[in-house]
Amino acid sequence: MALFKKRTVGKPGEWYYCLVHKKVEEGPECPAKDRFGPYATRKEAEHAMSLARERNLEWENDPRWHDAPTSGASDED
Protein backbone atom coordinates (compact mmCIF):
# COMPACT_ATOMS: atom_id res chain seq x y z
CA MET A 1 0.00 0.00 0.00
CA ALA A 2 1.43 3.35 -1.04
CA LEU A 3 1.69 6.08 1.54
CA PHE A 4 1.11 8.80 -1.01
CA LYS A 5 -1.08 8.55 -4.04
CA LYS A 6 0.09 10.24 -7.21
CA ARG A 7 -2.43 12.89 -8.11
CA THR A 8 -2.99 12.74 -11.83
CA VAL A 9 -6.19 14.77 -12.09
CA GLY A 10 -6.65 18.23 -10.69
CA LYS A 11 -9.63 19.60 -8.89
CA PRO A 12 -12.14 21.61 -10.88
CA GLY A 13 -11.35 25.28 -10.41
CA GLU A 14 -7.57 24.82 -10.04
CA TRP A 15 -5.79 26.59 -12.86
CA TYR A 16 -2.16 26.21 -13.90
CA TYR A 17 0.14 27.70 -16.52
CA CYS A 18 2.25 25.12 -18.36
CA LEU A 19 5.74 26.44 -19.13
CA VAL A 20 6.39 23.78 -21.78
CA HIS A 21 3.18 24.14 -23.79
CA LYS A 22 2.70 27.84 -22.90
CA LYS A 23 -0.97 27.35 -22.15
CA VAL A 24 -3.44 27.47 -19.29
CA GLU A 25 -4.68 24.14 -17.94
CA GLU A 26 -7.51 23.31 -15.57
CA GLY A 27 -6.05 20.84 -13.13
CA PRO A 28 -2.43 19.72 -13.33
CA GLU A 29 -2.01 18.10 -16.72
CA CYS A 30 1.76 18.53 -16.87
CA PRO A 31 4.40 17.68 -14.24
CA ALA A 32 4.86 20.17 -11.39
CA LYS A 33 8.36 21.07 -12.62
CA ASP A 34 6.80 22.41 -15.83
CA ARG A 35 4.01 24.59 -14.43
CA PHE A 36 3.09 27.56 -12.27
CA GLY A 37 0.06 27.42 -10.01
CA PRO A 38 -2.46 26.68 -8.79
CA TYR A 39 -4.34 29.90 -9.45
CA ALA A 40 -7.90 30.60 -8.36
CA THR A 41 -9.09 31.67 -11.81
CA ARG A 42 -8.26 31.07 -15.43
CA LYS A 43 -7.52 34.80 -15.84
CA GLU A 44 -4.90 34.70 -13.08
CA ALA A 45 -3.23 31.71 -14.74
CA GLU A 46 -3.21 33.53 -18.09
CA HIS A 47 -1.13 36.28 -16.47
CA ALA A 48 1.32 33.90 -14.77
CA MET A 49 4.32 34.94 -16.86
CA SER A 50 3.76 38.69 -16.42
CA LEU A 51 3.31 38.15 -12.67
CA ALA A 52 6.57 36.18 -12.57
CA ARG A 53 8.36 39.01 -14.46
CA GLU A 54 7.00 41.60 -12.00
CA ARG A 55 8.09 39.52 -8.99
CA ASN A 56 11.55 38.95 -10.46
CA LEU A 57 11.99 42.68 -11.07
CA GLU A 58 10.90 43.45 -7.49
CA TRP A 59 13.37 40.88 -6.18
CA GLU A 60 16.24 42.18 -8.32
CA ASN A 61 15.67 45.71 -7.00
CA ASP A 62 15.10 44.78 -3.36
CA PRO A 63 18.17 45.71 -1.29
CA ARG A 64 17.24 43.13 1.36
CA TRP A 65 18.10 40.36 -1.13
CA HIS A 66 21.54 41.65 -2.05
CA ASP A 67 24.71 41.48 -0.02
CA ALA A 68 25.83 44.79 1.40
CA PRO A 69 29.26 45.92 0.24
CA THR A 70 31.97 45.00 2.72
CA SER A 71 33.61 47.88 4.50
CA GLY A 72 37.17 48.67 3.42
CA ALA A 73 36.84 46.79 0.14
CA SER A 74 37.93 48.52 -3.04
CA ASP A 75 37.90 47.76 -6.72
CA GLU A 76 41.57 48.67 -7.05
CA ASP A 77 44.19 45.89 -7.02
PDB file of N, CA and C in Angstrom:
ATOM      1  N   MET A   1       0.840  -1.172   0.000  1.00  0.00           N
ATOM      2  CA  MET A   1       0.000   0.000   0.000  1.00  0.00           C
ATOM      3  C   MET A   1       0.889   1.241   0.000  1.00  0.00           C
ATOM      4  N   ALA A   2       0.646   2.123  -0.925  1.00  0.00           N
ATOM      5  CA  ALA A   2       1.433   3.349  -1.039  1.00  0.00           C
ATOM      6  C   ALA A   2       1.008   4.357   0.020  1.00  0.00           C
ATOM      7  N   LEU A   3       1.997   5.047   0.562  1.00  0.00           N
ATOM      8  CA  LEU A   3       1.690   6.081   1.539  1.00  0.00           C
ATOM      9  C   LEU A   3       1.103   7.321   0.884  1.00  0.00           C
ATOM     10  N   PHE A   4       1.585   7.627  -0.295  1.00  0.00           N
ATOM     11  CA  PHE A   4       1.111   8.801  -1.008  1.00  0.00           C
ATOM     12  C   PHE A   4       0.617   8.372  -2.373  1.00  0.00           C
ATOM     13  N   LYS A   5      -0.544   8.849  -2.723  1.00  0.00           N
ATOM     14  CA  LYS A   5      -1.083   8.554  -4.044  1.00  0.00           C
ATOM     15  C   LYS A   5      -0.662   9.658  -5.003  1.00  0.00           C
ATOM     16  N   LYS A   6      -0.275   9.264  -6.190  1.00  0.00           N
ATOM     17  CA  LYS A   6       0.089  10.239  -7.208  1.00  0.00           C
ATOM     18  C   LYS A   6      -1.189  10.866  -7.735  1.00  0.00           C
ATOM     19  N   ARG A   7      -1.248  12.172  -7.655  1.00  0.00           N
ATOM     20  CA  ARG A   7      -2.434  12.889  -8.110  1.00  0.00           C
ATOM     21  C   ARG A   7      -2.287  13.183  -9.585  1.00  0.00           C
ATOM     22  N   THR A   8      -3.100  12.552 -10.386  1.00  0.00           N
ATOM     23  CA  THR A   8      -2.988  12.735 -11.830  1.00  0.00           C
ATOM     24  C   THR A   8      -4.051  13.682 -12.380  1.00  0.00           C
ATOM     25  N   VAL A   9      -5.117  13.900 -11.627  1.00  0.00           N
ATOM     26  CA  VAL A   9      -6.190  14.766 -12.090  1.00  0.00           C
ATOM     27  C   VAL A   9      -6.367  15.883 -11.083  1.00  0.00           C
ATOM     28  N   GLY A  10      -6.475  17.099 -11.579  1.00  0.00           N
ATOM     29  CA  GLY A  10      -6.655  18.235 -10.687  1.00  0.00           C
ATOM     30  C   GLY A  10      -8.095  18.416 -10.279  1.00  0.00           C
ATOM     31  N   LYS A  11      -8.288  19.278  -9.343  1.00  0.00           N
ATOM     32  CA  LYS A  11      -9.632  19.604  -8.894  1.00  0.00           C
ATOM     33  C   LYS A  11     -10.227  20.638  -9.836  1.00  0.00           C
ATOM     34  N   PRO A  12     -11.513  20.561 -10.080  1.00  0.00           N
ATOM     35  CA  PRO A  12     -12.144  21.613 -10.880  1.00  0.00           C
ATOM     36  C   PRO A  12     -11.932  22.961 -10.188  1.00  0.00           C
ATOM     37  N   GLY A  13     -11.586  23.962 -10.966  1.00  0.00           N
ATOM     38  CA  GLY A  13     -11.353  25.284 -10.406  1.00  0.00           C
ATOM     39  C   GLY A  13      -9.898  25.563 -10.082  1.00  0.00           C
ATOM     40  N   GLU A  14      -9.014  24.586 -10.196  1.00  0.00           N
ATOM     41  CA  GLU A  14      -7.573  24.819 -10.038  1.00  0.00           C
ATOM     42  C   GLU A  14      -6.996  25.081 -11.420  1.00  0.00           C
ATOM     43  N   TRP A  15      -6.341  26.211 -11.571  1.00  0.00           N
ATOM     44  CA  TRP A  15      -5.786  26.591 -12.858  1.00  0.00           C
ATOM     45  C   TRP A  15      -4.275  26.668 -12.773  1.00  0.00           C
ATOM     46  N   TYR A  16      -3.610  26.230 -13.827  1.00  0.00           N
ATOM     47  CA  TYR A  16      -2.157  26.210 -13.898  1.00  0.00           C
ATOM     48  C   TYR A  16      -1.716  26.799 -15.230  1.00  0.00           C
ATOM     49  N   TYR A  17      -0.461  27.262 -15.263  1.00  0.00           N
ATOM     50  CA  TYR A  17       0.139  27.701 -16.516  1.00  0.00           C
ATOM     51  C   TYR A  17       1.290  26.766 -16.825  1.00  0.00           C
ATOM     52  N   CYS A  18       1.213  26.068 -17.953  1.00  0.00           N
ATOM     53  CA  CYS A  18       2.252  25.123 -18.355  1.00  0.00           C
ATOM     54  C   CYS A  18       3.361  25.882 -19.069  1.00  0.00           C
ATOM     55  N   LEU A  19       4.586  25.753 -18.557  1.00  0.00           N
ATOM     56  CA  LEU A  19       5.744  26.442 -19.126  1.00  0.00           C
ATOM     57  C   LEU A  19       6.230  25.789 -20.410  1.00  0.00           C
ATOM     58  N   VAL A  20       5.954  24.503 -20.587  1.00  0.00           N
ATOM     59  CA  VAL A  20       6.390  23.781 -21.783  1.00  0.00           C
ATOM     60  C   VAL A  20       5.465  24.082 -22.964  1.00  0.00           C
ATOM     61  N   HIS A  21       4.166  23.957 -22.727  1.00  0.00           N
ATOM     62  CA  HIS A  21       3.184  24.143 -23.792  1.00  0.00           C
ATOM     63  C   HIS A  21       2.701  25.584 -23.915  1.00  0.00           C
ATOM     64  N   LYS A  22       3.080  26.423 -22.919  1.00  0.00           N
ATOM     65  CA  LYS A  22       2.698  27.835 -22.897  1.00  0.00           C
ATOM     66  C   LYS A  22       1.191  28.002 -23.022  1.00  0.00           C
ATOM     67  N   LYS A  23       0.491  27.269 -22.143  1.00  0.00           N
ATOM     68  CA  LYS A  23      -0.966  27.352 -22.152  1.00  0.00           C
ATOM     69  C   LYS A  23      -1.509  27.162 -20.742  1.00  0.00           C
ATOM     70  N   VAL A  24      -2.741  27.608 -20.563  1.00  0.00           N
ATOM     71  CA  VAL A  24      -3.437  27.466 -19.294  1.00  0.00           C
ATOM     72  C   VAL A  24      -4.129  26.115 -19.271  1.00  0.00           C
ATOM     73  N   GLU A  25      -4.058  25.454 -18.105  1.00  0.00           N
ATOM     74  CA  GLU A  25      -4.680  24.137 -17.943  1.00  0.00           C
ATOM     75  C   GLU A  25      -5.552  24.141 -16.697  1.00  0.00           C
ATOM     76  N   GLU A  26      -6.695  23.494 -16.771  1.00  0.00           N
ATOM     77  CA  GLU A  26      -7.505  23.310 -15.568  1.00  0.00           C
ATOM     78  C   GLU A  26      -7.100  21.985 -14.965  1.00  0.00           C
ATOM     79  N   GLY A  27      -6.592  22.045 -13.750  1.00  0.00           N
ATOM     80  CA  GLY A  27      -6.046  20.842 -13.126  1.00  0.00           C
ATOM     81  C   GLY A  27      -4.645  20.603 -13.653  1.00  0.00           C
ATOM     82  N   PRO A  28      -3.814  19.941 -12.876  1.00  0.00           N
ATOM     83  CA  PRO A  28      -2.433  19.723 -13.328  1.00  0.00           C
ATOM     84  C   PRO A  28      -2.355  18.640 -14.397  1.00  0.00           C
ATOM     85  N   GLU A  29      -2.177  19.053 -15.630  1.00  0.00           N
ATOM     86  CA  GLU A  29      -2.012  18.096 -16.721  1.00  0.00           C
ATOM     87  C   GLU A  29      -0.539  17.750 -16.918  1.00  0.00           C
ATOM     88  N   CYS A  30       0.324  18.720 -16.682  1.00  0.00           N
ATOM     89  CA  CYS A  30       1.758  18.527 -16.873  1.00  0.00           C
ATOM     90  C   CYS A  30       2.452  18.385 -15.516  1.00  0.00           C
ATOM     91  N   PRO A  31       3.668  17.845 -15.501  1.00  0.00           N
ATOM     92  CA  PRO A  31       4.401  17.685 -14.240  1.00  0.00           C
ATOM     93  C   PRO A  31       4.612  19.020 -13.521  1.00  0.00           C
ATOM     94  N   ALA A  32       4.709  18.970 -12.211  1.00  0.00           N
ATOM     95  CA  ALA A  32       4.864  20.171 -11.392  1.00  0.00           C
ATOM     96  C   ALA A  32       6.076  20.998 -11.799  1.00  0.00           C
ATOM     97  N   LYS A  33       7.147  20.343 -12.234  1.00  0.00           N
ATOM     98  CA  LYS A  33       8.360  21.075 -12.616  1.00  0.00           C
ATOM     99  C   LYS A  33       8.150  21.939 -13.853  1.00  0.00           C
ATOM    100  N   ASP A  34       7.069  21.705 -14.579  1.00  0.00           N
ATOM    101  CA  ASP A  34       6.805  22.413 -15.828  1.00  0.00           C
ATOM    102  C   ASP A  34       5.638  23.387 -15.739  1.00  0.00           C
ATOM    103  N   ARG A  35       5.190  23.732 -14.519  1.00  0.00           N
ATOM    104  CA  ARG A  35       4.015  24.595 -14.430  1.00  0.00           C
ATOM    105  C   ARG A  35       4.073  25.528 -13.242  1.00  0.00           C
ATOM    106  N   PHE A  36       3.326  26.627 -13.365  1.00  0.00           N
ATOM    107  CA  PHE A  36       3.085  27.563 -12.271  1.00  0.00           C
ATOM    108  C   PHE A  36       1.658  27.340 -11.802  1.00  0.00           C
ATOM    109  N   GLY A  37       1.429  27.504 -10.514  1.00  0.00           N
ATOM    110  CA  GLY A  37       0.064  27.416 -10.011  1.00  0.00           C
ATOM    111  C   GLY A  37       0.007  26.605  -8.744  1.00  0.00           C
ATOM    112  N   PRO A  38      -1.145  26.400  -8.200  1.00  0.00           N
ATOM    113  CA  PRO A  38      -2.456  26.680  -8.789  1.00  0.00           C
ATOM    114  C   PRO A  38      -2.874  28.133  -8.595  1.00  0.00           C
ATOM    115  N   TYR A  39      -3.716  28.586  -9.506  1.00  0.00           N
ATOM    116  CA  TYR A  39      -4.337  29.899  -9.453  1.00  0.00           C
ATOM    117  C   TYR A  39      -5.827  29.699  -9.252  1.00  0.00           C
ATOM    118  N   ALA A  40      -6.470  30.697  -8.666  1.00  0.00           N
ATOM    119  CA  ALA A  40      -7.901  30.597  -8.361  1.00  0.00           C
ATOM    120  C   ALA A  40      -8.775  30.719  -9.598  1.00  0.00           C
ATOM    121  N   THR A  41      -8.292  31.470 -10.602  1.00  0.00           N
ATOM    122  CA  THR A  41      -9.093  31.667 -11.808  1.00  0.00           C
ATOM    123  C   THR A  41      -8.247  31.448 -13.055  1.00  0.00           C
ATOM    124  N   ARG A  42      -8.937  31.229 -14.147  1.00  0.00           N
ATOM    125  CA  ARG A  42      -8.259  31.072 -15.434  1.00  0.00           C
ATOM    126  C   ARG A  42      -7.515  32.363 -15.799  1.00  0.00           C
ATOM    127  N   LYS A  43      -8.139  33.508 -15.519  1.00  0.00           N
ATOM    128  CA  LYS A  43      -7.525  34.799 -15.845  1.00  0.00           C
ATOM    129  C   LYS A  43      -6.203  34.984 -15.106  1.00  0.00           C
ATOM    130  N   GLU A  44      -6.154  34.615 -13.834  1.00  0.00           N
ATOM    131  CA  GLU A  44      -4.902  34.704 -13.080  1.00  0.00           C
ATOM    132  C   GLU A  44      -3.831  33.825 -13.716  1.00  0.00           C
ATOM    133  N   ALA A  45      -4.194  32.627 -14.115  1.00  0.00           N
ATOM    134  CA  ALA A  45      -3.233  31.708 -14.738  1.00  0.00           C
ATOM    135  C   ALA A  45      -2.741  32.253 -16.075  1.00  0.00           C
ATOM    136  N   GLU A  46      -3.615  32.946 -16.808  1.00  0.00           N
ATOM    137  CA  GLU A  46      -3.211  33.533 -18.088  1.00  0.00           C
ATOM    138  C   GLU A  46      -2.130  34.593 -17.908  1.00  0.00           C
ATOM    139  N   HIS A  47      -2.101  35.221 -16.742  1.00  0.00           N
ATOM    140  CA  HIS A  47      -1.126  36.278 -16.468  1.00  0.00           C
ATOM    141  C   HIS A  47       0.058  35.780 -15.637  1.00  0.00           C
ATOM    142  N   ALA A  48       0.259  34.487 -15.600  1.00  0.00           N
ATOM    143  CA  ALA A  48       1.321  33.899 -14.772  1.00  0.00           C
ATOM    144  C   ALA A  48       2.706  34.413 -15.158  1.00  0.00           C
ATOM    145  N   MET A  49       2.987  34.511 -16.433  1.00  0.00           N
ATOM    146  CA  MET A  49       4.324  34.939 -16.856  1.00  0.00           C
ATOM    147  C   MET A  49       4.563  36.419 -16.553  1.00  0.00           C
ATOM    148  N   SER A  50       3.565  37.274 -16.741  1.00  0.00           N
ATOM    149  CA  SER A  50       3.761  38.688 -16.417  1.00  0.00           C
ATOM    150  C   SER A  50       3.898  38.872 -14.908  1.00  0.00           C
ATOM    151  N   LEU A  51       3.169  38.091 -14.127  1.00  0.00           N
ATOM    152  CA  LEU A  51       3.310  38.154 -12.674  1.00  0.00           C
ATOM    153  C   LEU A  51       4.710  37.703 -12.249  1.00  0.00           C
ATOM    154  N   ALA A  52       5.221  36.662 -12.878  1.00  0.00           N
ATOM    155  CA  ALA A  52       6.575  36.185 -12.573  1.00  0.00           C
ATOM    156  C   ALA A  52       7.611  37.252 -12.924  1.00  0.00           C
ATOM    157  N   ARG A  53       7.440  37.929 -14.070  1.00  0.00           N
ATOM    158  CA  ARG A  53       8.364  39.007 -14.457  1.00  0.00           C
ATOM    159  C   ARG A  53       8.333  40.142 -13.435  1.00  0.00           C
ATOM    160  N   GLU A  54       7.133  40.528 -12.998  1.00  0.00           N
ATOM    161  CA  GLU A  54       7.004  41.595 -12.000  1.00  0.00           C
ATOM    162  C   GLU A  54       7.695  41.205 -10.693  1.00  0.00           C
ATOM    163  N   ARG A  55       7.482  39.980 -10.247  1.00  0.00           N
ATOM    164  CA  ARG A  55       8.090  39.524  -8.995  1.00  0.00           C
ATOM    165  C   ARG A  55       9.608  39.444  -9.118  1.00  0.00           C
ATOM    166  N   ASN A  56      10.106  39.004 -10.250  1.00  0.00           N
ATOM    167  CA  ASN A  56      11.555  38.948 -10.464  1.00  0.00           C
ATOM    168  C   ASN A  56      12.162  40.346 -10.424  1.00  0.00           C
ATOM    169  N   LEU A  57      11.493  41.302 -11.055  1.00  0.00           N
ATOM    170  CA  LEU A  57      11.987  42.678 -11.066  1.00  0.00           C
ATOM    171  C   LEU A  57      12.001  43.253  -9.652  1.00  0.00           C
ATOM    172  N   GLU A  58      10.943  42.999  -8.887  1.00  0.00           N
ATOM    173  CA  GLU A  58      10.905  43.453  -7.495  1.00  0.00           C
ATOM    174  C   GLU A  58      12.058  42.841  -6.704  1.00  0.00           C
ATOM    175  N   TRP A  59      12.297  41.567  -6.898  1.00  0.00           N
ATOM    176  CA  TRP A  59      13.375  40.883  -6.178  1.00  0.00           C
ATOM    177  C   TRP A  59      14.737  41.447  -6.564  1.00  0.00           C
ATOM    178  N   GLU A  60      14.951  41.664  -7.857  1.00  0.00           N
ATOM    179  CA  GLU A  60      16.240  42.179  -8.315  1.00  0.00           C
ATOM    180  C   GLU A  60      16.533  43.569  -7.770  1.00  0.00           C
ATOM    181  N   ASN A  61      15.494  44.343  -7.483  1.00  0.00           N
ATOM    182  CA  ASN A  61      15.673  45.710  -7.004  1.00  0.00           C
ATOM    183  C   ASN A  61      15.486  45.843  -5.494  1.00  0.00           C
ATOM    184  N   ASP A  62      15.299  44.747  -4.802  1.00  0.00           N
ATOM    185  CA  ASP A  62      15.098  44.778  -3.357  1.00  0.00           C
ATOM    186  C   ASP A  62      16.444  44.684  -2.650  1.00  0.00           C
ATOM    187  N   PRO A  63      16.857  45.734  -1.937  1.00  0.00           N
ATOM    188  CA  PRO A  63      18.174  45.712  -1.286  1.00  0.00           C
ATOM    189  C   PRO A  63      18.291  44.643  -0.203  1.00  0.00           C
ATOM    190  N   ARG A  64      17.173  44.176   0.323  1.00  0.00           N
ATOM    191  CA  ARG A  64      17.240  43.133   1.357  1.00  0.00           C
ATOM    192  C   ARG A  64      17.745  41.802   0.798  1.00  0.00           C
ATOM    193  N   TRP A  65      17.686  41.626  -0.520  1.00  0.00           N
ATOM    194  CA  TRP A  65      18.095  40.360  -1.129  1.00  0.00           C
ATOM    195  C   TRP A  65      19.507  40.403  -1.698  1.00  0.00           C
ATOM    196  N   HIS A  66      20.186  41.514  -1.519  1.00  0.00           N
ATOM    197  CA  HIS A  66      21.541  41.646  -2.052  1.00  0.00           C
ATOM    198  C   HIS A  66      22.511  41.852  -0.905  1.00  0.00           C
ATOM    199  N   ASP A  67      23.687  41.304  -1.052  1.00  0.00           N
ATOM    200  CA  ASP A  67      24.712  41.476  -0.022  1.00  0.00           C
ATOM    201  C   ASP A  67      25.148  42.934   0.028  1.00  0.00           C
ATOM    202  N   ALA A  68      25.326  43.427   1.225  1.00  0.00           N
ATOM    203  CA  ALA A  68      25.830  44.789   1.397  1.00  0.00           C
ATOM    204  C   ALA A  68      27.322  44.789   1.083  1.00  0.00           C
ATOM    205  N   PRO A  69      27.819  45.859   0.514  1.00  0.00           N
ATOM    206  CA  PRO A  69      29.263  45.917   0.237  1.00  0.00           C
ATOM    207  C   PRO A  69      30.047  45.834   1.544  1.00  0.00           C
ATOM    208  N   THR A  70      31.148  45.128   1.510  1.00  0.00           N
ATOM    209  CA  THR A  70      31.971  44.995   2.716  1.00  0.00           C
ATOM    210  C   THR A  70      32.735  46.275   2.944  1.00  0.00           C
ATOM    211  N   SER A  71      32.901  46.648   4.184  1.00  0.00           N
ATOM    212  CA  SER A  71      33.613  47.884   4.496  1.00  0.00           C
ATOM    213  C   SER A  71      35.119  47.688   4.230  1.00  0.00           C
ATOM    214  N   GLY A  72      35.741  48.724   3.689  1.00  0.00           N
ATOM    215  CA  GLY A  72      37.170  48.667   3.420  1.00  0.00           C
ATOM    216  C   GLY A  72      37.523  48.004   2.106  1.00  0.00           C
ATOM    217  N   ALA A  73      36.563  47.440   1.410  1.00  0.00           N
ATOM    218  CA  ALA A  73      36.845  46.788   0.140  1.00  0.00           C
ATOM    219  C   ALA A  73      36.935  47.831  -0.955  1.00  0.00           C
ATOM    220  N   SER A  74      37.808  47.606  -1.909  1.00  0.00           N
ATOM    221  CA  SER A  74      37.928  48.523  -3.037  1.00  0.00           C
ATOM    222  C   SER A  74      38.069  47.725  -4.312  1.00  0.00           C
ATOM    223  N   ASP A  75      37.796  48.412  -5.423  1.00  0.00           N
ATOM    224  CA  ASP A  75      37.904  47.757  -6.717  1.00  0.00           C
ATOM    225  C   ASP A  75      39.321  47.819  -7.266  1.00  0.00           C
ATOM    226  N   GLU A  76      40.198  48.531  -6.576  1.00  0.00           N
ATOM    227  CA  GLU A  76      41.570  48.667  -7.052  1.00  0.00           C
ATOM    228  C   GLU A  76      42.431  47.514  -6.564  1.00  0.00           C
ATOM    229  N   ASP A  77      43.280  46.991  -7.403  1.00  0.00           N
ATOM    230  CA  ASP A  77      44.194  45.891  -7.016  1.00  0.00           C
ATOM    231  C   ASP A  77      45.603  46.316  -7.153  1.00  0.00           C
TER     232      ASP A  77
END
